[in-house]
Amino acid sequence: MTRSFHWLGGIAFACFGLVATSAADEVPKFTQFAEKVYEGPSAPLRLATQDDREFATRLLEGMKQPVNFAGHYILATWGCGAECLGGAVIDARTGAVAWLPYSVCCWGEGEPFYFRKDSRLIVFSGVLNEESPKGAHFFEFRNGEFRHLTSRASDGSVLSGIPEPAK
């Protein structure tokens, strides 16, 4: 009886491992959102909205960086409280500004944002707008907008309850 119990437990463990591996395979990868990196000069910053004008100093500081996100964008972040970051994405080709859809806090170990200059994928790590479940929140940035792809807990399970982005 004990041997049968161990055998069944082994099968259940193996099946659970396959499910966990399958879920991990569904997590977006940077290579799935590849972009060619722009190497030309940066356009002048366009301060088109009231928010753009209120954060002009931060945005101008960000413009000093080279392209670091999604092919031709500059991701600029700054503090918005204790262990909280917000920011914007600046198009190096046009100077247009797109605001991050959420602030991020409580990321703990690691970085609050994971991104690459040759990919449209960005991962917000932690809690969004101080109200979502803590985890890794995957977004695609395309045509000046962020599209939520999935959110995962540290064990790989899918998270729900992601707040609506600030308008």
N, C-alpha and C. Protein backbone atom coordinates (compact mmCIF):
# COMPACT_ATOMS: atom_id res chain seq x y z
N MET A 1 0.83 -1.20 0.00
CA MET A 1 0.00 0.00 0.00
C MET A 1 0.87 1.26 0.00
N THR A 2 1.90 1.27 0.84
CA THR A 2 2.79 2.43 0.92
C THR A 2 3.48 2.65 -0.43
N ARG A 3 3.92 1.52 -1.05
CA ARG A 3 4.60 1.62 -2.33
C ARG A 3 3.67 2.23 -3.38
N SER A 4 2.39 1.84 -3.40
CA SER A 4 1.41 2.39 -4.33
C SER A 4 1.20 3.88 -4.08
N PHE A 5 1.16 4.25 -2.80
CA PHE A 5 0.97 5.65 -2.44
C PHE A 5 2.14 6.49 -2.96
N HIS A 6 3.37 6.00 -2.78
CA HIS A 6 4.55 6.73 -3.26
C HIS A 6 4.55 6.83 -4.78
N TRP A 7 4.15 5.74 -5.45
CA TRP A 7 4.10 5.73 -6.89
C TRP A 7 3.10 6.75 -7.42
N LEU A 8 1.89 6.77 -6.80
CA LEU A 8 0.88 7.76 -7.20
C LEU A 8 1.34 9.18 -6.91
N GLY A 9 2.00 9.35 -5.76
CA GLY A 9 2.54 10.67 -5.42
C GLY A 9 3.57 11.13 -6.44
N GLY A 10 4.41 10.18 -6.92
CA GLY A 10 5.41 10.50 -7.93
C GLY A 10 4.78 10.94 -9.23
N ILE A 11 3.72 10.25 -9.64
CA ILE A 11 3.00 10.62 -10.87
C ILE A 11 2.37 12.00 -10.71
N ALA A 12 1.74 12.26 -9.57
CA ALA A 12 1.12 13.57 -9.34
C ALA A 12 2.17 14.67 -9.36
N PHE A 13 3.32 14.42 -8.73
CA PHE A 13 4.40 15.41 -8.71
C PHE A 13 4.89 15.68 -10.13
N ALA A 14 5.07 14.61 -10.92
CA ALA A 14 5.53 14.77 -12.31
C ALA A 14 4.51 15.56 -13.13
N CYS A 15 3.23 15.26 -12.95
CA CYS A 15 2.19 16.00 -13.69
C CYS A 15 2.17 17.45 -13.27
N PHE A 16 2.29 17.73 -11.97
CA PHE A 16 2.32 19.10 -11.49
C PHE A 16 3.51 19.84 -12.09
N GLY A 17 4.65 19.15 -12.16
CA GLY A 17 5.84 19.76 -12.75
C GLY A 17 5.63 20.11 -14.20
N LEU A 18 4.94 19.25 -14.95
CA LEU A 18 4.64 19.54 -16.35
C LEU A 18 3.72 20.74 -16.48
N VAL A 19 2.71 20.84 -15.60
CA VAL A 19 1.80 21.98 -15.64
C VAL A 19 2.57 23.25 -15.32
N ALA A 20 3.42 23.22 -14.29
CA ALA A 20 4.20 24.40 -13.92
C ALA A 20 5.13 24.81 -15.06
N THR A 21 5.77 23.81 -15.70
CA THR A 21 6.65 24.12 -16.83
C THR A 21 5.85 24.70 -17.97
N SER A 22 4.67 24.16 -18.23
CA SER A 22 3.81 24.67 -19.29
C SER A 22 3.43 26.12 -19.03
N ALA A 23 3.06 26.44 -17.77
CA ALA A 23 2.69 27.82 -17.42
C ALA A 23 3.89 28.75 -17.61
N ALA A 24 5.08 28.28 -17.22
CA ALA A 24 6.27 29.11 -17.36
C ALA A 24 6.58 29.36 -18.83
N ASP A 25 6.29 28.38 -19.70
CA ASP A 25 6.54 28.56 -21.13
C ASP A 25 5.65 29.64 -21.72
N GLU A 26 4.51 29.91 -21.11
CA GLU A 26 3.58 30.89 -21.62
C GLU A 26 3.97 32.32 -21.25
N VAL A 27 4.95 32.48 -20.39
CA VAL A 27 5.40 33.81 -19.99
C VAL A 27 6.07 34.48 -21.19
N PRO A 28 5.70 35.70 -21.51
CA PRO A 28 6.29 36.40 -22.66
C PRO A 28 7.82 36.52 -22.53
N LYS A 29 8.47 36.44 -23.67
CA LYS A 29 9.93 36.53 -23.74
C LYS A 29 10.30 37.79 -24.53
N PHE A 30 11.43 38.40 -24.16
CA PHE A 30 11.87 39.62 -24.84
C PHE A 30 12.02 39.40 -26.34
N THR A 31 12.51 38.23 -26.73
CA THR A 31 12.75 37.95 -28.16
C THR A 31 11.46 37.90 -28.97
N GLN A 32 10.32 37.66 -28.33
CA GLN A 32 9.04 37.63 -29.05
C GLN A 32 8.59 39.03 -29.47
N PHE A 33 9.21 40.06 -28.93
CA PHE A 33 8.80 41.44 -29.18
C PHE A 33 9.98 42.27 -29.72
N ALA A 34 10.78 41.64 -30.56
CA ALA A 34 12.02 42.24 -31.05
C ALA A 34 11.77 43.51 -31.85
N GLU A 35 12.68 44.46 -31.70
CA GLU A 35 12.67 45.73 -32.42
C GLU A 35 14.09 46.06 -32.86
N LYS A 36 14.20 46.67 -34.02
CA LYS A 36 15.49 47.18 -34.47
C LYS A 36 15.79 48.46 -33.69
N VAL A 37 17.03 48.63 -33.25
CA VAL A 37 17.40 49.77 -32.41
C VAL A 37 17.79 50.97 -33.28
N TYR A 38 17.14 52.09 -33.01
CA TYR A 38 17.40 53.38 -33.67
C TYR A 38 18.71 53.95 -33.13
N GLU A 39 19.56 54.42 -34.03
CA GLU A 39 20.85 54.96 -33.62
C GLU A 39 21.05 56.41 -34.04
N GLY A 40 19.99 57.06 -34.49
CA GLY A 40 20.09 58.44 -34.93
C GLY A 40 20.02 59.43 -33.78
N PRO A 41 20.00 60.70 -34.11
CA PRO A 41 19.93 61.73 -33.06
C PRO A 41 18.53 61.78 -32.44
N SER A 42 18.47 62.25 -31.21
CA SER A 42 17.17 62.40 -30.54
C SER A 42 16.51 63.70 -30.98
N ALA A 43 15.21 63.62 -31.22
CA ALA A 43 14.41 64.79 -31.58
C ALA A 43 14.20 65.65 -30.34
N PRO A 44 13.86 66.92 -30.51
CA PRO A 44 13.54 67.75 -29.35
C PRO A 44 12.32 67.20 -28.61
N LEU A 45 12.33 67.33 -27.31
CA LEU A 45 11.23 66.87 -26.47
C LEU A 45 9.96 67.66 -26.78
N ARG A 46 8.84 66.96 -26.96
CA ARG A 46 7.53 67.60 -27.19
C ARG A 46 6.72 67.55 -25.91
N LEU A 47 6.48 68.71 -25.33
CA LEU A 47 5.70 68.81 -24.10
C LEU A 47 4.26 69.14 -24.46
N ALA A 48 3.49 68.13 -24.83
CA ALA A 48 2.16 68.34 -25.39
C ALA A 48 1.05 68.43 -24.35
N THR A 49 1.24 67.85 -23.17
CA THR A 49 0.17 67.82 -22.17
C THR A 49 0.59 68.56 -20.91
N GLN A 50 -0.37 68.80 -20.05
CA GLN A 50 -0.07 69.44 -18.76
C GLN A 50 0.90 68.58 -17.95
N ASP A 51 0.69 67.27 -17.95
CA ASP A 51 1.62 66.37 -17.24
C ASP A 51 3.03 66.47 -17.81
N ASP A 52 3.13 66.52 -19.13
CA ASP A 52 4.44 66.66 -19.77
C ASP A 52 5.14 67.93 -19.27
N ARG A 53 4.39 69.01 -19.22
CA ARG A 53 4.98 70.29 -18.80
C ARG A 53 5.34 70.28 -17.31
N GLU A 54 4.51 69.65 -16.48
CA GLU A 54 4.80 69.58 -15.04
C GLU A 54 6.05 68.77 -14.74
N PHE A 55 6.35 67.78 -15.59
CA PHE A 55 7.51 66.92 -15.37
C PHE A 55 8.61 67.20 -16.39
N ALA A 56 8.64 68.40 -16.94
CA ALA A 56 9.60 68.75 -17.98
C ALA A 56 11.05 68.51 -17.54
N THR A 57 11.38 68.85 -16.32
CA THR A 57 12.76 68.67 -15.84
C THR A 57 13.14 67.21 -15.86
N ARG A 58 12.27 66.35 -15.35
CA ARG A 58 12.54 64.90 -15.34
C ARG A 58 12.64 64.35 -16.76
N LEU A 59 11.75 64.79 -17.63
CA LEU A 59 11.76 64.32 -19.01
C LEU A 59 13.02 64.78 -19.75
N LEU A 60 13.41 66.03 -19.53
CA LEU A 60 14.64 66.53 -20.16
C LEU A 60 15.86 65.77 -19.67
N GLU A 61 15.89 65.41 -18.40
CA GLU A 61 16.97 64.58 -17.86
C GLU A 61 16.98 63.22 -18.55
N GLY A 62 15.79 62.65 -18.73
CA GLY A 62 15.67 61.37 -19.40
C GLY A 62 16.19 61.41 -20.83
N MET A 63 15.96 62.53 -21.51
CA MET A 63 16.40 62.69 -22.90
C MET A 63 17.92 62.63 -23.05
N LYS A 64 18.63 62.80 -21.96
CA LYS A 64 20.10 62.72 -22.01
C LYS A 64 20.60 61.29 -22.15
N GLN A 65 19.72 60.33 -21.89
CA GLN A 65 20.09 58.92 -22.00
C GLN A 65 20.00 58.47 -23.46
N PRO A 66 20.74 57.43 -23.82
CA PRO A 66 20.56 56.85 -25.16
C PRO A 66 19.27 56.02 -25.18
N VAL A 67 18.87 55.63 -26.37
CA VAL A 67 17.72 54.73 -26.52
C VAL A 67 17.98 53.50 -25.65
N ASN A 68 16.97 53.15 -24.84
CA ASN A 68 17.14 52.00 -23.95
C ASN A 68 15.94 51.06 -23.92
N PHE A 69 14.93 51.34 -24.78
CA PHE A 69 13.70 50.55 -24.72
C PHE A 69 12.98 50.54 -26.07
N ALA A 70 12.48 49.39 -26.46
CA ALA A 70 11.55 49.22 -27.58
C ALA A 70 12.04 49.82 -28.91
N GLY A 71 13.34 49.76 -29.14
CA GLY A 71 13.87 50.17 -30.44
C GLY A 71 14.22 51.63 -30.58
N HIS A 72 13.31 52.53 -30.22
CA HIS A 72 13.60 53.96 -30.41
C HIS A 72 13.05 54.82 -29.28
N TYR A 73 12.95 54.23 -28.11
CA TYR A 73 12.42 54.96 -26.95
C TYR A 73 13.43 55.05 -25.83
N ILE A 74 13.20 56.04 -24.98
CA ILE A 74 14.00 56.22 -23.78
C ILE A 74 13.05 56.09 -22.60
N LEU A 75 13.27 55.09 -21.77
CA LEU A 75 12.48 54.91 -20.56
C LEU A 75 13.15 55.73 -19.45
N ALA A 76 12.40 56.67 -18.92
CA ALA A 76 12.89 57.53 -17.83
C ALA A 76 11.99 57.30 -16.61
N THR A 77 12.60 57.02 -15.47
CA THR A 77 11.83 56.79 -14.24
C THR A 77 12.34 57.70 -13.14
N TRP A 78 11.45 57.93 -12.15
CA TRP A 78 11.82 58.74 -10.99
C TRP A 78 10.94 58.34 -9.82
N GLY A 79 11.39 58.72 -8.64
CA GLY A 79 10.67 58.38 -7.42
C GLY A 79 9.35 59.12 -7.31
N CYS A 80 8.37 58.41 -6.73
CA CYS A 80 7.06 59.03 -6.48
C CYS A 80 6.62 58.77 -5.04
N GLY A 81 7.57 58.46 -4.18
CA GLY A 81 7.31 58.17 -2.78
C GLY A 81 8.32 57.15 -2.30
N ALA A 82 8.14 56.71 -1.06
CA ALA A 82 9.04 55.71 -0.50
C ALA A 82 8.87 54.40 -1.26
N GLU A 83 9.94 53.90 -1.83
CA GLU A 83 9.95 52.67 -2.63
C GLU A 83 8.84 52.67 -3.68
N CYS A 84 8.74 53.77 -4.41
CA CYS A 84 7.75 53.90 -5.48
C CYS A 84 8.42 54.60 -6.65
N LEU A 85 8.17 54.08 -7.85
CA LEU A 85 8.70 54.70 -9.06
C LEU A 85 7.60 54.88 -10.09
N GLY A 86 7.68 55.97 -10.78
CA GLY A 86 6.82 56.24 -11.92
C GLY A 86 7.70 56.72 -13.05
N GLY A 87 7.10 57.08 -14.17
CA GLY A 87 7.93 57.58 -15.24
C GLY A 87 7.20 57.67 -16.56
N ALA A 88 8.00 57.79 -17.61
CA ALA A 88 7.46 57.96 -18.95
C ALA A 88 8.42 57.37 -19.97
N VAL A 89 7.91 57.21 -21.18
CA VAL A 89 8.69 56.73 -22.31
C VAL A 89 8.72 57.86 -23.33
N ILE A 90 9.92 58.19 -23.79
CA ILE A 90 10.10 59.29 -24.73
C ILE A 90 10.56 58.71 -26.08
N ASP A 91 9.88 59.07 -27.13
CA ASP A 91 10.23 58.61 -28.47
C ASP A 91 11.42 59.43 -28.96
N ALA A 92 12.57 58.78 -29.12
CA ALA A 92 13.78 59.49 -29.55
C ALA A 92 13.65 60.04 -30.96
N ARG A 93 12.79 59.46 -31.79
CA ARG A 93 12.64 59.93 -33.17
C ARG A 93 11.72 61.14 -33.28
N THR A 94 10.72 61.24 -32.38
CA THR A 94 9.74 62.33 -32.50
C THR A 94 9.71 63.27 -31.30
N GLY A 95 10.23 62.84 -30.16
CA GLY A 95 10.16 63.65 -28.94
C GLY A 95 8.86 63.50 -28.18
N ALA A 96 7.93 62.67 -28.68
CA ALA A 96 6.63 62.46 -28.02
C ALA A 96 6.81 61.68 -26.71
N VAL A 97 5.92 61.97 -25.76
CA VAL A 97 5.97 61.35 -24.44
C VAL A 97 4.76 60.44 -24.25
N ALA A 98 5.00 59.24 -23.72
CA ALA A 98 3.94 58.31 -23.32
C ALA A 98 4.20 57.96 -21.86
N TRP A 99 3.20 58.11 -21.03
CA TRP A 99 3.35 57.89 -19.60
C TRP A 99 3.20 56.41 -19.24
N LEU A 100 4.00 55.96 -18.27
CA LEU A 100 3.82 54.60 -17.78
C LEU A 100 2.40 54.48 -17.24
N PRO A 101 1.73 53.36 -17.47
CA PRO A 101 0.33 53.23 -17.05
C PRO A 101 0.17 53.04 -15.54
N TYR A 102 1.26 52.74 -14.85
CA TYR A 102 1.21 52.47 -13.41
C TYR A 102 2.48 52.97 -12.74
N SER A 103 2.37 53.27 -11.46
CA SER A 103 3.56 53.39 -10.63
C SER A 103 3.85 51.98 -10.11
N VAL A 104 5.08 51.76 -9.68
CA VAL A 104 5.48 50.45 -9.16
C VAL A 104 6.09 50.64 -7.78
N CYS A 105 5.67 49.81 -6.85
CA CYS A 105 6.28 49.84 -5.53
C CYS A 105 6.51 48.41 -5.04
N CYS A 106 7.23 48.33 -3.96
CA CYS A 106 7.36 47.08 -3.20
C CYS A 106 7.96 45.95 -4.00
N TRP A 107 8.95 46.24 -4.85
CA TRP A 107 9.52 45.21 -5.70
C TRP A 107 10.48 44.30 -4.95
N GLY A 108 11.00 44.73 -3.81
CA GLY A 108 11.89 43.87 -3.02
C GLY A 108 13.21 43.64 -3.72
N GLU A 109 13.65 42.39 -3.79
CA GLU A 109 14.89 42.03 -4.47
C GLU A 109 14.76 42.29 -5.96
N GLY A 110 15.86 42.58 -6.62
CA GLY A 110 15.82 42.78 -8.07
C GLY A 110 15.50 44.21 -8.44
N GLU A 111 14.97 44.36 -9.63
CA GLU A 111 14.69 45.67 -10.21
C GLU A 111 13.18 45.89 -10.33
N PRO A 112 12.74 47.15 -10.29
CA PRO A 112 11.31 47.42 -10.47
C PRO A 112 10.83 47.28 -11.91
N PHE A 113 11.75 47.44 -12.88
CA PHE A 113 11.41 47.32 -14.30
C PHE A 113 12.47 46.46 -14.99
N TYR A 114 12.01 45.56 -15.83
CA TYR A 114 12.92 44.78 -16.67
C TYR A 114 12.54 45.10 -18.12
N PHE A 115 13.52 45.53 -18.91
CA PHE A 115 13.28 45.94 -20.29
C PHE A 115 14.59 45.88 -21.05
N ARG A 116 14.49 45.92 -22.36
CA ARG A 116 15.68 45.91 -23.22
C ARG A 116 15.47 46.91 -24.35
N LYS A 117 16.58 47.43 -24.86
CA LYS A 117 16.47 48.40 -25.95
C LYS A 117 16.01 47.78 -27.25
N ASP A 118 16.13 46.47 -27.40
CA ASP A 118 15.73 45.81 -28.64
C ASP A 118 14.43 45.03 -28.52
N SER A 119 13.58 45.40 -27.54
CA SER A 119 12.33 44.67 -27.33
C SER A 119 11.22 45.61 -26.85
N ARG A 120 9.98 45.33 -27.30
CA ARG A 120 8.80 46.09 -26.86
C ARG A 120 8.24 45.57 -25.54
N LEU A 121 8.80 44.48 -25.01
CA LEU A 121 8.33 43.90 -23.76
C LEU A 121 8.93 44.64 -22.58
N ILE A 122 8.09 44.92 -21.57
CA ILE A 122 8.55 45.48 -20.31
C ILE A 122 7.83 44.73 -19.19
N VAL A 123 8.57 44.47 -18.12
CA VAL A 123 8.01 43.78 -16.96
C VAL A 123 8.07 44.73 -15.78
N PHE A 124 6.90 45.01 -15.21
CA PHE A 124 6.81 45.81 -13.98
C PHE A 124 6.85 44.80 -12.84
N SER A 125 7.80 44.94 -11.94
CA SER A 125 7.99 43.97 -10.86
C SER A 125 7.56 44.58 -9.54
N GLY A 126 6.58 43.97 -8.88
CA GLY A 126 6.12 44.47 -7.59
C GLY A 126 4.63 44.67 -7.58
N VAL A 127 4.21 45.80 -7.00
CA VAL A 127 2.79 46.13 -6.85
C VAL A 127 2.49 47.35 -7.73
N LEU A 128 1.45 47.27 -8.54
CA LEU A 128 1.06 48.37 -9.43
C LEU A 128 0.12 49.32 -8.70
N ASN A 129 0.43 50.61 -8.77
CA ASN A 129 -0.39 51.66 -8.16
C ASN A 129 -0.74 51.37 -6.70
N GLU A 130 0.13 50.65 -6.02
CA GLU A 130 -0.04 50.31 -4.61
C GLU A 130 -1.34 49.57 -4.32
N GLU A 131 -1.87 48.82 -5.34
CA GLU A 131 -3.13 48.12 -5.11
C GLU A 131 -3.24 46.76 -5.79
N SER A 132 -2.33 46.41 -6.67
CA SER A 132 -2.43 45.10 -7.35
C SER A 132 -1.77 44.03 -6.50
N PRO A 133 -2.00 42.77 -6.85
CA PRO A 133 -1.22 41.71 -6.22
C PRO A 133 0.25 41.88 -6.61
N LYS A 134 1.15 41.50 -5.70
CA LYS A 134 2.58 41.59 -5.99
C LYS A 134 2.97 40.50 -6.97
N GLY A 135 3.74 40.90 -7.99
CA GLY A 135 4.19 39.91 -8.96
C GLY A 135 4.92 40.56 -10.11
N ALA A 136 5.06 39.80 -11.18
CA ALA A 136 5.67 40.28 -12.42
C ALA A 136 4.54 40.55 -13.40
N HIS A 137 4.46 41.80 -13.86
CA HIS A 137 3.37 42.24 -14.72
C HIS A 137 3.96 42.56 -16.10
N PHE A 138 3.58 41.78 -17.10
CA PHE A 138 4.15 41.84 -18.44
C PHE A 138 3.29 42.72 -19.34
N PHE A 139 3.96 43.66 -20.04
CA PHE A 139 3.27 44.57 -20.96
C PHE A 139 4.04 44.64 -22.27
N GLU A 140 3.28 44.83 -23.35
CA GLU A 140 3.88 45.15 -24.63
C GLU A 140 3.65 46.64 -24.87
N PHE A 141 4.69 47.34 -25.33
CA PHE A 141 4.58 48.75 -25.67
C PHE A 141 4.61 48.86 -27.19
N ARG A 142 3.49 49.27 -27.78
CA ARG A 142 3.39 49.38 -29.24
C ARG A 142 2.57 50.61 -29.59
N ASN A 143 3.06 51.38 -30.55
CA ASN A 143 2.36 52.57 -31.04
C ASN A 143 2.01 53.53 -29.90
N GLY A 144 2.93 53.69 -28.97
CA GLY A 144 2.74 54.65 -27.89
C GLY A 144 1.82 54.20 -26.77
N GLU A 145 1.44 52.92 -26.74
CA GLU A 145 0.52 52.43 -25.70
C GLU A 145 1.02 51.13 -25.09
N PHE A 146 0.72 50.96 -23.81
CA PHE A 146 1.06 49.74 -23.10
C PHE A 146 -0.15 48.80 -23.11
N ARG A 147 0.10 47.54 -23.47
CA ARG A 147 -0.96 46.53 -23.48
C ARG A 147 -0.57 45.43 -22.49
N HIS A 148 -1.43 45.21 -21.49
CA HIS A 148 -1.16 44.17 -20.49
C HIS A 148 -1.25 42.80 -21.13
N LEU A 149 -0.22 41.97 -20.92
CA LEU A 149 -0.19 40.62 -21.47
C LEU A 149 -0.56 39.57 -20.44
N THR A 150 0.09 39.61 -19.29
CA THR A 150 -0.18 38.67 -18.20
C THR A 150 0.51 39.19 -16.95
N SER A 151 0.07 38.68 -15.81
CA SER A 151 0.73 38.96 -14.53
C SER A 151 0.92 37.63 -13.83
N ARG A 152 2.09 37.45 -13.22
CA ARG A 152 2.42 36.19 -12.57
C ARG A 152 2.94 36.40 -11.16
N ALA A 153 2.53 35.51 -10.25
CA ALA A 153 3.07 35.47 -8.90
C ALA A 153 4.46 34.82 -8.96
N SER A 154 5.20 34.87 -7.87
CA SER A 154 6.55 34.32 -7.87
C SER A 154 6.56 32.81 -8.12
N ASP A 155 5.45 32.12 -7.86
CA ASP A 155 5.39 30.68 -8.14
C ASP A 155 4.97 30.38 -9.57
N GLY A 156 4.75 31.41 -10.40
CA GLY A 156 4.38 31.22 -11.79
C GLY A 156 2.88 31.23 -12.05
N SER A 157 2.08 31.23 -10.98
CA SER A 157 0.63 31.22 -11.18
C SER A 157 0.16 32.58 -11.71
N VAL A 158 -0.93 32.55 -12.47
CA VAL A 158 -1.48 33.76 -13.08
C VAL A 158 -2.17 34.58 -12.00
N LEU A 159 -1.91 35.89 -12.00
CA LEU A 159 -2.54 36.82 -11.06
C LEU A 159 -3.72 37.52 -11.72
N SER A 160 -4.73 37.79 -10.95
CA SER A 160 -5.86 38.61 -11.43
C SER A 160 -5.96 39.82 -10.52
N GLY A 161 -6.91 40.70 -10.79
CA GLY A 161 -7.10 41.88 -9.95
C GLY A 161 -6.15 43.02 -10.29
N ILE A 162 -5.76 43.11 -11.55
CA ILE A 162 -4.88 44.19 -11.98
C ILE A 162 -5.73 45.45 -12.14
N PRO A 163 -5.34 46.55 -11.46
CA PRO A 163 -6.15 47.77 -11.55
C PRO A 163 -6.14 48.37 -12.96
N GLU A 164 -7.17 49.14 -13.25
CA GLU A 164 -7.20 49.87 -14.51
C GLU A 164 -6.09 50.92 -14.48
N PRO A 165 -5.42 51.14 -15.60
CA PRO A 165 -4.37 52.16 -15.63
C PRO A 165 -4.93 53.55 -15.40
N ALA A 166 -4.11 54.41 -14.83
CA ALA A 166 -4.49 55.80 -14.64
C ALA A 166 -4.64 56.47 -16.00
N LYS A 167 -5.61 57.33 -16.14
CA LYS A 167 -5.83 58.03 -17.41
C LYS A 167 -5.20 59.39 -17.36
